[in-house]
Structures are given as C-alpha cells and as structure tokens.
C-alpha cells in the first residue's frame, strides 16, 4: 500500500482515485438534496435494518461550510500522505473504517441519533497515513500520530470547538473523530502483523530450490 519511491508531486490517477471518488460522491449527495433523509446516519433507521446508512451518512454534510471544510481536509491529508495512496487498497480501507466508525457510534455513543460528515473518516485516513510514515521510517509519522491522539483526547475532554459547531450548524461529534483514529489503529495492527509475517516468510525461502 506504500511505494517509497513514489515522489510527492503530480499524482497518478491510481493515487488520486480515492480523493476524487469521495469528493464526487459528497458533491453528488449535496446536489441531490432529496436523498438526504434516505442516506443520513440515523439510529432508528439503522436499527430497523437500513444498513447502507453505515456508509452513506459519511458522505452527507450539514451545510456548505461543513462540506468545504471536509473536502479541504481530504485534499490536505492526501497531500501529506500521497505516496501511500493506491486506489483499491485505500477504497477497501475507507469502506472498512466507515463501517467501524458507524458501528462504534451505534453501539457506544447512544447520545448521537443522527450523524453526517467525512471528518471521522478523515481522522482515520490521517492516522493511517501517520502509521504508514512510521512503517517506512519517516519520523514525521510519529509527530502526526501524537498530534492526532492529543487532538482527539482534547476534544473528548473539552467537547470540541464551539466556533466550528456554529460554522457547520451542528454539534461536532468528537466521539466519531476518536472512533476514526481507533478504527485506523485497529485495522493497521493486523496489517502490520501480516506484512511482518510475509517478510519473515520471504527471508526463510532457500536461496536455491529444486524440484
């Protein structure tokens, strides 16, 4: 999922595929206002079996400012971690993180009845990027990981920014940000273990083989 030789700079279509897809879907949902109630993450509807809301709710936004903030964050995160992006692996990762975040809210944050926005996924993508930086030996990853952990910790204690809540016309669901970070950590640990096992297995192969 990471190619250390891939430079920062003009991205390939494979690299920019996920940001383009998320941006396109978010804009499509925003332009089709009539679908909002059918796609929003809503506790009662999820409990009645409308499982698609586990993913679709992340693509909706409360207002223009909310949409622009999240799309801007998506661009920034991609710019920070461009070498790690490949379309299919990052798409599968995002689908898994969306589901984990949504299920986390459903079962562990009973105070949230309706939820929208990409920000939780963005926290997960940022954390994943920081972990990938660490895996390939880039020290910036440690700073980013500590930074995002401090951020979500502060948000959980303080309740988040009132200015941001006023701007997006909704309460900042700080619990979802923490779940985004947790989902990245939960998915990265087995991924790193699998890479380690594959590396050991590769080293264990004999230099000369015969049939």
Foldseek 3Di string as FASTA:
>chain_A
DFDVVDDQDDADCQLCVVLVVLLVLLVVCVVPVVCCVVQWLFLVVVVVPSVNNLQSQASYALDPLQSVVQSVLSVVLCSVQSRGGGRPVVVVLLVQLSNQLSVCCNPPVVVDGTGHHNLLLSLLSQLLSLVVCVVVPNPVSVVSNVVLVVVLVVCVVVVDDPVVCVRRVHRDPSVSNVSSNVSNVVVVVVVVVVVVVVVVVVVPDDPDDDD
